[in-house]
Amino acid sequence: MPKHRKCTTPKVSRRTFVRMGAAAGGAAAFAGYAPTVLGQTKQLRFLNSEPSKASVGVLDKAAAEYEEMTGVRIAIDSVGPGEAWQKLQSSIAAGQPYDVSSLLFSAHVSLLADEGHLVQLNDLIQKHDWGPRILFPVEGNHYWYPFDYNLNWIFYRKDLYAEKGLKVPANQAEMLENCQALTEGNQFGTMHPLGSNSATMWMSLGYMWANDVTLLDDNFDVVVDDSTNQPRMVRYLDFMKEMAPSMPPGMTQASFGEALAQYSSGQVAHAPYAGRLMEFLEGRTPELVEKTGFFTYPSADGDLRAVNHGYDGWVVLNTPMVEESLKFMDWFTTNHYVDFLHSAPLHFQPPRLDVYENPRWRDHPMIQKHAELVAFMRNLLEDDSILIRSVDTQGPTVDVRGGAIFESMALPEALQNRLLRDMPADECVEVCAQSLREALS
C-alpha cells in the first residue's frame, strides 16, 4: 500500500486566493476580446457553465431576442462547470472581467464579493421565495442568483430488488446487505468515487451527513474529532470499508461520468446522482427508466436521512456594464428562467419555490412523466428531517473557510486511508481533523 501523506493547503489571504490560477490564463488569453462597446453597440459578456446544446440554445435564443428588443448584444461563452472559475479569474486578472457569470461554489461567491468584484442582487432575490440552504448571503447581502439545486441521492434498480426480495434500506446495515446481495460476477452492488476530487465530495459523503457528522462548529473550529462527531465519523468510514468489495475496481479514478455509464450499462445496481441520471437513461437506455427508483442516504441507526448539497447560480460582476447586466438579468429571470430550467428538466431542480406551481414549468413532458421523482425532489426541500449538507457549507455562514476545507480534500483522504491503506478508522479521523486545521490555519 502507498505510504500515507498528509494533504495540506497553503496559507493564503482572501485576496491571494481570489487570484490563484489567474496568472495561468494571463492577459494573453483575452487579448483577442473586443472592448465592451463595439461602435454604437453595447456588448454584455456572459460566461455560461452549462454547455449542453439545450441550455446553450435557450441562452442564444434569449440573447437574440434581447438584442432585437434593446440593441444590447449578449456575447455568450460556454465552458464546462470545472472550467468556469478559472476562466472567470483569468478575465478579472486580464482587466476584461465577464459581466455575468455562472458559479457553482459558494466560497467563490463570498471570495469575489469580499474583493468587490460582485454587485448586490437583493432586488432580484426579494421578488421570490426560495428553498432552504441556497441563498448564501454575504454580510446580509445577496450576490448570486441560484438557478438550480444539484442535490445528490441514491438511484437503484427496482427490478433487481424484486428478484432478490430486497426492500429500500432503512439504515446502513440494510444498504450493505442489499449491495452484497447484488454483487456477483461482473455486476456490483454500488459505486462511489474515492479519488481526491469533487466527484467524491459530492457522491460519496451522503452516508457521513446522514450520520449527522459536523466538521466545523459555529466558531469555525474543527470538531470532526470531538467526542460527539468522532464515533459518527468512525461508523461512516467503517461502513464504507465494508461496502468497498461491492464496488467496481477503479473507484479512485471515477468521476461523475462513471456513475452514469456504470448504472446505465447495468454494471452497478445503485448509483449516486441527481436528476440528470434519469435524463441520461431516457436518452441512452430507456428500458431502465421504469426499473429505476430512488431514495435518500440512510444513517447507521436509521434515525436520519440525508442528501449531499449541490447548486449553481449566476453572479453579476462590477464592470462598466453593471447597469445593463442587472437589466438583462431581471428580464431573463422573468421571461426565460423556466425555459432554461426546461433545458435539463429533471436535473435543474428549481430553488425558487414559485416555480413548482408554475403551470408552464409543470407542463413539460419530462416533468409530467416523472411526477414521482419531481415530488421526491420537492420533498427534499420541505421535509426538515432530511439533512442537506456539503463540505463547503459547513460552519455558521458561507465564506472562504468552507472553500479552504473543500480544497484540502481531507474527506477523500480519510476514505482513501480507511479503504485503500487499511488505516484504523479512529486514526483516519485524527488525520482528517489535522488536515482540516491546517487548511484553516
Protein backbone atom coordinates (compact mmCIF):
# COMPACT_ATOMS: atom_id res chain seq x y z
CA MET A 1 0.00 0.00 0.00
CA PRO A 2 1.26 3.56 -0.67
CA LYS A 3 2.60 5.45 2.31
CA HIS A 4 0.17 7.96 3.83
CA ARG A 5 0.88 11.58 3.00
CA LYS A 6 -0.95 14.39 4.71
CA CYS A 7 -2.82 16.79 2.44
CA THR A 8 -2.16 20.43 3.30
CA THR A 9 -3.39 23.76 1.99
CA PRO A 10 -1.05 26.75 1.69
CA LYS A 11 -1.78 29.74 3.86
CA VAL A 12 -3.29 32.37 1.59
CA SER A 13 -5.18 35.58 2.12
CA ARG A 14 -8.59 36.10 0.60
CA ARG A 15 -7.06 38.46 -1.94
CA THR A 16 -4.44 35.90 -2.92
CA PHE A 17 -6.99 33.06 -3.08
CA VAL A 18 -9.19 35.01 -5.47
CA ARG A 19 -6.29 35.46 -7.83
CA MET A 20 -4.91 31.94 -7.56
CA GLY A 21 -4.62 30.48 -11.02
CA ALA A 22 -5.28 33.76 -12.79
CA ALA A 23 -1.69 34.03 -13.94
CA ALA A 24 -2.06 30.75 -15.80
CA GLY A 25 -4.54 32.39 -18.12
CA GLY A 26 -2.89 35.78 -18.14
CA ALA A 27 -3.79 38.79 -20.18
CA ALA A 28 -2.79 37.00 -23.35
CA ALA A 29 -5.77 34.66 -23.01
CA PHE A 30 -8.09 37.59 -23.50
CA ALA A 31 -6.03 39.76 -25.84
CA GLY A 32 -8.40 38.99 -28.67
CA TYR A 33 -11.56 40.07 -26.90
CA ALA A 34 -13.42 43.06 -28.27
CA PRO A 35 -13.97 46.05 -25.98
CA THR A 36 -17.24 46.37 -24.08
CA VAL A 37 -18.68 48.76 -26.64
CA LEU A 38 -18.35 47.93 -30.33
CA GLY A 39 -19.09 51.11 -32.21
CA GLN A 40 -22.57 52.10 -31.13
CA THR A 41 -23.48 48.57 -29.97
CA LYS A 42 -23.27 47.78 -26.29
CA GLN A 43 -21.98 44.29 -25.55
CA LEU A 44 -22.53 42.28 -22.41
CA ARG A 45 -20.29 39.23 -21.88
CA PHE A 46 -21.90 36.18 -20.25
CA LEU A 47 -19.85 33.18 -19.04
CA ASN A 48 -22.07 30.08 -19.03
CA SER A 49 -21.05 26.83 -17.30
CA GLU A 50 -23.94 24.72 -18.64
CA PRO A 51 -22.62 23.78 -22.09
CA SER A 52 -25.30 21.30 -23.17
CA LYS A 53 -26.86 22.00 -26.55
CA ALA A 54 -30.28 22.59 -24.98
CA SER A 55 -29.05 25.04 -22.33
CA VAL A 56 -26.90 26.99 -24.78
CA GLY A 57 -29.84 27.08 -27.19
CA VAL A 58 -32.05 28.77 -24.59
CA LEU A 59 -29.37 31.36 -23.84
CA ASP A 60 -28.73 32.04 -27.52
CA LYS A 61 -32.43 32.50 -28.22
CA ALA A 62 -32.82 34.85 -25.26
CA ALA A 63 -29.73 36.81 -26.31
CA ALA A 64 -31.06 37.31 -29.82
CA GLU A 65 -34.45 38.42 -28.51
CA TYR A 66 -32.87 40.83 -26.04
CA GLU A 67 -30.60 42.37 -28.68
CA GLU A 68 -33.52 42.89 -31.04
CA MET A 69 -35.51 44.49 -28.24
CA THR A 70 -32.80 46.70 -26.68
CA GLY A 71 -29.86 46.84 -29.09
CA VAL A 72 -27.60 45.33 -26.41
CA ARG A 73 -25.60 42.36 -27.67
CA ILE A 74 -25.19 39.39 -25.29
CA ALA A 75 -21.96 37.52 -26.11
CA ILE A 76 -22.14 34.06 -24.53
CA ASP A 77 -19.07 31.91 -23.83
CA SER A 78 -19.90 28.36 -22.73
CA VAL A 79 -17.47 26.12 -20.85
CA GLY A 80 -17.68 23.04 -18.66
CA PRO A 81 -18.55 23.54 -14.97
CA GLY A 82 -15.00 22.77 -13.92
CA GLU A 83 -13.57 25.44 -16.21
CA ALA A 84 -15.77 28.41 -15.32
CA TRP A 85 -13.97 29.54 -12.16
CA GLN A 86 -10.53 29.54 -13.80
CA LYS A 87 -11.82 31.38 -16.86
CA LEU A 88 -13.58 33.99 -14.72
CA GLN A 89 -10.44 34.54 -12.63
CA SER A 90 -8.37 34.96 -15.78
CA SER A 91 -10.79 37.51 -17.18
CA ILE A 92 -10.55 39.54 -13.96
CA ALA A 93 -6.75 39.38 -13.94
CA ALA A 94 -6.65 40.49 -17.57
CA GLY A 95 -8.78 43.56 -16.82
CA GLN A 96 -11.61 42.23 -19.01
CA PRO A 97 -13.98 40.60 -16.49
CA TYR A 98 -17.14 38.97 -17.69
CA ASP A 99 -20.25 40.97 -16.92
CA VAL A 100 -22.34 37.98 -15.86
CA SER A 101 -21.06 34.53 -14.92
CA SER A 102 -22.16 31.15 -13.66
CA LEU A 103 -20.68 29.88 -10.39
CA LEU A 104 -21.13 26.54 -8.65
CA PHE A 105 -19.22 27.03 -5.42
CA SER A 106 -20.49 29.19 -2.57
CA ALA A 107 -16.99 30.03 -1.36
CA HIS A 108 -16.24 31.56 -4.76
CA VAL A 109 -19.22 33.88 -4.33
CA SER A 110 -18.01 35.07 -0.94
CA LEU A 111 -14.44 35.47 -2.20
CA LEU A 112 -15.46 37.63 -5.16
CA ALA A 113 -17.92 39.64 -3.05
CA ASP A 114 -15.21 40.25 -0.44
CA GLU A 115 -12.90 41.55 -3.18
CA GLY A 116 -15.56 43.94 -4.51
CA HIS A 117 -15.94 42.13 -7.82
CA LEU A 118 -19.68 41.44 -7.44
CA VAL A 119 -22.73 43.66 -7.18
CA GLN A 120 -25.72 43.00 -4.94
CA LEU A 121 -28.75 41.21 -6.34
CA ASN A 122 -31.03 41.94 -3.39
CA ASP A 123 -33.83 43.39 -5.52
CA LEU A 124 -33.92 40.32 -7.80
CA ILE A 125 -33.76 37.87 -4.91
CA GLN A 126 -36.50 39.56 -2.92
CA LYS A 127 -39.02 39.02 -5.73
CA HIS A 128 -39.37 35.33 -4.84
CA ASP A 129 -39.45 32.77 -2.05
CA TRP A 130 -36.52 30.35 -2.00
CA GLY A 131 -35.80 26.86 -0.78
CA PRO A 132 -33.52 26.05 2.18
CA ARG A 133 -29.74 26.50 2.24
CA ILE A 134 -29.48 28.09 -1.20
CA LEU A 135 -29.06 31.88 -0.97
CA PHE A 136 -25.75 32.17 0.95
CA PRO A 137 -25.87 35.89 1.82
CA VAL A 138 -22.59 37.70 2.47
CA GLU A 139 -22.95 40.08 5.42
CA GLY A 140 -26.69 40.21 4.80
CA ASN A 141 -26.48 40.92 1.07
CA HIS A 142 -27.24 38.60 -1.84
CA TYR A 143 -24.60 38.39 -4.54
CA TRP A 144 -25.80 35.43 -6.53
CA TYR A 145 -28.97 34.22 -8.18
CA PRO A 146 -29.34 30.43 -7.71
CA PHE A 147 -30.72 28.76 -10.79
CA ASP A 148 -30.81 25.15 -9.55
CA TYR A 149 -30.21 22.62 -6.84
CA ASN A 150 -27.91 19.69 -7.62
CA LEU A 151 -28.83 17.57 -4.62
CA ASN A 152 -27.32 14.08 -4.61
CA TRP A 153 -29.24 10.93 -3.64
CA ILE A 154 -29.22 7.21 -4.49
CA PHE A 155 -30.79 5.60 -7.57
CA TYR A 156 -31.43 1.85 -7.53
CA ARG A 157 -32.69 -0.99 -9.72
CA LYS A 158 -36.23 -1.81 -8.62
CA ASP A 159 -36.34 -4.93 -10.80
CA LEU A 160 -33.22 -6.40 -9.19
CA TYR A 161 -34.62 -5.61 -5.76
CA ALA A 162 -37.77 -7.54 -6.67
CA GLU A 163 -35.78 -10.52 -7.95
CA LYS A 164 -33.79 -10.72 -4.73
CA GLY A 165 -36.68 -9.90 -2.40
CA LEU A 166 -34.96 -6.73 -1.15
CA LYS A 167 -36.51 -3.59 0.30
CA VAL A 168 -35.41 0.05 0.33
CA PRO A 169 -32.80 0.20 3.11
CA ALA A 170 -33.85 1.82 6.37
CA ASN A 171 -30.26 2.01 7.64
CA GLN A 172 -26.68 1.46 6.53
CA ALA A 173 -26.61 -2.20 7.56
CA GLU A 174 -29.53 -2.91 5.20
CA MET A 175 -27.84 -0.89 2.45
CA LEU A 176 -24.72 -3.02 2.88
CA GLU A 177 -26.75 -6.24 2.75
CA ASN A 178 -28.51 -5.10 -0.43
CA CYS A 179 -25.24 -4.20 -2.14
CA GLN A 180 -23.68 -7.51 -1.15
CA ALA A 181 -26.69 -9.42 -2.45
CA LEU A 182 -26.44 -7.61 -5.81
CA THR A 183 -22.69 -8.17 -6.27
CA GLU A 184 -21.89 -11.21 -8.39
CA GLY A 185 -19.54 -11.78 -11.30
CA ASN A 186 -19.01 -8.54 -13.19
CA GLN A 187 -22.04 -6.87 -11.62
CA PHE A 188 -21.61 -4.78 -8.49
CA GLY A 189 -23.89 -3.51 -5.79
CA THR A 190 -22.92 0.16 -5.97
CA MET A 191 -20.29 2.71 -6.89
CA HIS A 192 -18.85 5.70 -5.04
CA PRO A 193 -15.84 7.71 -6.28
CA LEU A 194 -12.83 7.60 -3.95
CA GLY A 195 -10.35 9.97 -5.62
CA SER A 196 -9.26 13.38 -4.37
CA ASN A 197 -11.78 15.23 -6.50
CA SER A 198 -15.12 16.99 -6.43
CA ALA A 199 -16.96 13.83 -7.56
CA THR A 200 -16.01 12.12 -4.30
CA MET A 201 -17.04 15.20 -2.32
CA TRP A 202 -20.48 15.18 -3.98
CA MET A 203 -21.20 11.47 -4.44
CA SER A 204 -19.57 9.67 -1.51
CA LEU A 205 -20.23 11.68 1.65
CA GLY A 206 -24.01 11.26 1.92
CA TYR A 207 -23.77 8.48 4.50
CA MET A 208 -21.48 10.70 6.58
CA TRP A 209 -24.02 13.51 6.60
CA ALA A 210 -26.79 11.03 7.42
CA ASN A 211 -24.75 10.06 10.50
CA ASP A 212 -25.04 13.76 11.46
CA VAL A 213 -21.31 14.41 11.30
CA THR A 214 -20.30 18.05 11.73
CA LEU A 215 -16.90 19.26 10.54
CA LEU A 216 -16.94 22.83 11.88
CA ASP A 217 -18.76 24.42 14.80
CA ASP A 218 -20.31 27.89 14.98
CA ASN A 219 -16.86 29.42 15.57
CA PHE A 220 -15.35 27.67 12.51
CA ASP A 221 -13.36 25.38 14.81
CA VAL A 222 -12.77 21.80 13.61
CA VAL A 223 -14.92 19.38 15.63
CA VAL A 224 -14.90 16.22 13.50
CA ASP A 225 -12.69 14.54 16.11
CA ASP A 226 -14.60 15.62 19.23
CA SER A 227 -16.49 13.20 21.46
CA THR A 228 -19.74 13.65 19.51
CA ASN A 229 -18.54 13.52 15.92
CA GLN A 230 -15.61 11.12 16.13
CA PRO A 231 -17.71 7.97 16.72
CA ARG A 232 -20.15 9.03 13.99
CA MET A 233 -17.28 9.51 11.56
CA VAL A 234 -15.77 6.16 12.56
CA ARG A 235 -19.06 4.40 11.81
CA TYR A 236 -19.19 6.07 8.39
CA LEU A 237 -15.63 5.09 7.46
CA ASP A 238 -16.09 1.51 8.67
CA PHE A 239 -19.32 1.26 6.69
CA MET A 240 -17.60 2.45 3.52
CA LYS A 241 -14.80 -0.06 4.15
CA GLU A 242 -17.37 -2.87 4.28
CA MET A 243 -19.01 -1.53 1.11
CA ALA A 244 -15.77 -1.49 -0.89
CA PRO A 245 -15.98 -5.11 -2.14
CA SER A 246 -19.39 -4.29 -3.63
CA MET A 247 -17.88 -1.55 -5.84
CA PRO A 248 -16.22 -1.95 -9.25
CA PRO A 249 -12.44 -1.55 -9.46
CA GLY A 250 -11.05 1.87 -10.30
CA MET A 251 -13.07 4.00 -7.91
CA THR A 252 -10.07 6.23 -7.18
CA GLN A 253 -10.21 7.34 -10.84
CA ALA A 254 -14.01 7.55 -11.02
CA SER A 255 -15.71 10.87 -11.66
CA PHE A 256 -19.24 11.99 -12.48
CA GLY A 257 -19.44 10.23 -15.84
CA GLU A 258 -18.70 6.79 -14.39
CA ALA A 259 -21.87 6.89 -12.31
CA LEU A 260 -23.99 7.46 -15.42
CA ALA A 261 -22.12 4.91 -17.51
CA GLN A 262 -21.93 2.15 -14.90
CA TYR A 263 -25.56 2.43 -13.89
CA SER A 264 -26.95 2.68 -17.42
CA SER A 265 -24.88 -0.31 -18.56
CA GLY A 266 -26.09 -2.47 -15.69
CA GLN A 267 -22.64 -2.74 -14.11
CA VAL A 268 -23.93 -1.37 -10.78
CA ALA A 269 -27.30 -1.71 -9.07
CA HIS A 270 -27.06 1.59 -7.16
CA ALA A 271 -25.58 4.92 -8.21
CA PRO A 272 -25.43 8.31 -6.51
CA TYR A 273 -26.57 11.21 -8.67
CA ALA A 274 -29.11 13.99 -9.22
CA GLY A 275 -31.96 14.16 -11.71
CA ARG A 276 -29.62 14.08 -14.70
CA LEU A 277 -29.24 10.32 -14.31
CA MET A 278 -32.90 9.87 -15.25
CA GLU A 279 -32.49 12.20 -18.22
CA PHE A 280 -29.45 10.14 -19.25
CA LEU A 281 -31.45 6.92 -19.07
CA GLU A 282 -34.25 8.43 -21.16
CA GLY A 283 -31.74 9.21 -23.91
CA ARG A 284 -29.45 6.16 -23.71
CA THR A 285 -31.21 3.18 -22.08
CA PRO A 286 -34.94 3.97 -21.82
CA GLU A 287 -35.67 0.36 -20.85
CA LEU A 288 -34.17 1.12 -17.42
CA VAL A 289 -36.38 4.14 -16.71
CA GLU A 290 -39.31 2.18 -15.29
CA LYS A 291 -36.91 -0.11 -13.44
CA THR A 292 -35.26 2.74 -11.54
CA GLY A 293 -36.17 4.01 -8.07
CA PHE A 294 -34.55 6.47 -5.70
CA PHE A 295 -34.01 7.12 -2.01
CA THR A 296 -32.01 9.35 0.33
CA TYR A 297 -28.84 8.29 2.13
CA PRO A 298 -29.72 6.37 5.32
CA SER A 299 -27.89 6.78 8.62
CA ALA A 300 -26.26 3.98 10.59
CA ASP A 301 -29.14 3.71 13.06
CA GLY A 302 -31.92 4.62 10.61
CA ASP A 303 -32.99 7.72 12.52
CA LEU A 304 -31.86 10.25 9.90
CA ARG A 305 -31.71 10.64 6.11
CA ALA A 306 -29.54 12.96 4.06
CA VAL A 307 -28.61 14.25 0.63
CA ASN A 308 -25.35 15.88 -0.36
CA HIS A 309 -25.81 19.53 -1.26
CA GLY A 310 -25.11 20.93 -4.71
CA TYR A 311 -26.18 24.06 -6.56
CA ASP A 312 -25.46 26.50 -9.37
CA GLY A 313 -26.12 30.22 -9.77
CA TRP A 314 -25.37 33.41 -11.63
CA VAL A 315 -23.46 36.46 -10.43
CA VAL A 316 -23.18 39.97 -11.84
CA LEU A 317 -19.69 41.43 -11.97
CA ASN A 318 -18.84 45.02 -11.05
CA THR A 319 -17.98 46.20 -14.57
CA PRO A 320 -18.82 49.29 -16.65
CA MET A 321 -21.79 47.25 -17.93
CA VAL A 322 -23.27 46.64 -14.49
CA GLU A 323 -26.46 48.63 -15.12
CA GLU A 324 -27.12 46.77 -18.38
CA SER A 325 -26.23 43.47 -16.69
CA LEU A 326 -28.80 43.99 -13.97
CA LYS A 327 -31.45 44.94 -16.53
CA PHE A 328 -30.69 41.82 -18.55
CA MET A 329 -30.77 39.52 -15.52
CA ASP A 330 -34.08 40.99 -14.38
CA TRP A 331 -35.53 40.44 -17.86
CA PHE A 332 -34.03 36.98 -18.33
CA THR A 333 -35.09 35.59 -14.94
CA THR A 334 -38.59 36.95 -15.50
CA ASN A 335 -39.09 35.79 -19.09
CA HIS A 336 -36.75 32.86 -19.80
CA TYR A 337 -35.93 31.26 -16.45
CA VAL A 338 -38.46 28.46 -16.95
CA ASP A 339 -37.12 27.88 -20.47
CA PHE A 340 -33.63 27.49 -19.02
CA LEU A 341 -34.85 25.02 -16.39
CA HIS A 342 -36.57 23.04 -19.14
CA SER A 343 -33.23 22.56 -20.90
CA ALA A 344 -32.47 19.98 -18.18
CA PRO A 345 -35.94 19.48 -16.69
CA LEU A 346 -35.06 16.85 -14.07
CA HIS A 347 -31.51 17.94 -13.32
CA PHE A 348 -32.18 21.67 -12.88
CA GLN A 349 -34.25 21.39 -9.70
CA PRO A 350 -35.81 24.82 -9.05
CA PRO A 351 -34.59 26.66 -5.95
CA ARG A 352 -37.36 29.22 -6.47
CA LEU A 353 -40.44 27.82 -4.75
CA ASP A 354 -42.89 29.63 -7.03
CA VAL A 355 -41.71 27.54 -9.97
CA TYR A 356 -43.23 24.34 -8.54
CA GLU A 357 -46.67 25.89 -9.02
CA ASN A 358 -45.89 27.40 -12.40
CA PRO A 359 -48.20 25.75 -14.99
CA ARG A 360 -45.73 26.22 -17.83
CA TRP A 361 -42.93 24.57 -15.87
CA ARG A 362 -45.18 21.71 -14.77
CA ASP A 363 -46.44 21.10 -18.32
CA HIS A 364 -43.07 19.91 -19.60
CA PRO A 365 -43.45 16.26 -20.78
CA MET A 366 -40.48 15.02 -18.73
CA ILE A 367 -41.75 16.68 -15.56
CA GLN A 368 -45.19 15.18 -16.11
CA LYS A 369 -43.80 11.72 -16.91
CA HIS A 370 -41.54 11.73 -13.86
CA ALA A 371 -44.01 13.27 -11.43
CA GLU A 372 -42.95 10.79 -8.72
CA LEU A 373 -39.31 11.86 -8.96
CA VAL A 374 -40.28 15.55 -9.05
CA ALA A 375 -42.39 15.08 -5.92
CA PHE A 376 -39.45 13.31 -4.25
CA MET A 377 -37.15 16.20 -5.15
CA ARG A 378 -39.59 18.79 -3.87
CA ASN A 379 -39.99 16.87 -0.61
CA LEU A 380 -36.24 17.14 -0.04
CA LEU A 381 -36.80 20.89 0.40
CA GLU A 382 -39.89 20.57 2.58
CA ASP A 383 -39.01 17.71 4.93
CA ASP A 384 -36.96 19.17 7.77
CA SER A 385 -35.87 15.69 8.84
CA ILE A 386 -33.78 15.29 5.68
CA LEU A 387 -30.33 16.80 6.16
CA ILE A 388 -28.92 18.86 3.27
CA ARG A 389 -25.17 19.13 3.83
CA SER A 390 -21.89 19.67 2.00
CA VAL A 391 -18.29 20.37 2.93
CA ASP A 392 -18.23 23.91 1.53
CA THR A 393 -21.34 24.94 3.51
CA GLN A 394 -20.02 23.83 6.91
CA GLY A 395 -19.82 26.43 9.67
CA PRO A 396 -22.27 29.16 10.73
CA THR A 397 -22.07 31.07 7.44
CA VAL A 398 -20.71 30.53 3.96
CA ASP A 399 -17.31 32.11 3.45
CA VAL A 400 -13.74 31.39 2.35
CA ARG A 401 -13.19 28.85 5.13
CA GLY A 402 -15.68 26.48 3.55
CA GLY A 403 -13.67 26.72 0.37
CA ALA A 404 -10.44 26.05 2.25
CA ILE A 405 -11.62 22.79 3.78
CA PHE A 406 -13.17 21.73 0.46
CA GLU A 407 -9.92 22.30 -1.41
CA SER A 408 -7.93 20.43 1.27
CA MET A 409 -9.53 17.15 0.10
CA ALA A 410 -9.31 15.95 3.71
CA LEU A 411 -12.51 13.89 3.39
CA PRO A 412 -11.45 11.91 0.30
CA GLU A 413 -8.12 11.39 2.04
CA ALA A 414 -9.93 9.89 5.04
CA LEU A 415 -11.75 7.46 2.72
CA GLN A 416 -8.50 6.51 0.99
CA ASN A 417 -6.76 5.96 4.32
CA ARG A 418 -9.52 3.63 5.51
CA LEU A 419 -10.40 1.79 2.31
CA LEU A 420 -7.07 1.64 0.48
CA ARG A 421 -4.45 1.85 3.22
CA ASP A 422 -6.45 -0.05 5.84
CA MET A 423 -5.72 2.57 8.46
CA PRO A 424 -7.92 2.19 11.57
CA ALA A 425 -10.93 4.46 11.38
CA ASP A 426 -10.08 6.40 14.54
CA GLU A 427 -6.64 7.23 13.13
CA CYS A 428 -8.26 8.29 9.85
CA VAL A 429 -10.40 10.75 11.78
CA GLU A 430 -7.34 12.17 13.56
CA VAL A 431 -5.51 12.70 10.27
CA CYS A 432 -8.63 14.23 8.70
CA ALA A 433 -9.02 16.67 11.59
CA GLN A 434 -5.38 17.71 11.33
CA SER A 435 -5.70 18.30 7.58
CA LEU A 436 -8.78 20.44 8.16
CA ARG A 437 -6.98 22.50 10.81
CA GLU A 438 -4.01 23.02 8.53
CA ALA A 439 -6.37 24.20 5.78
CA LEU A 440 -7.88 26.76 8.15
CA SER A 441 -4.59 27.92 9.69
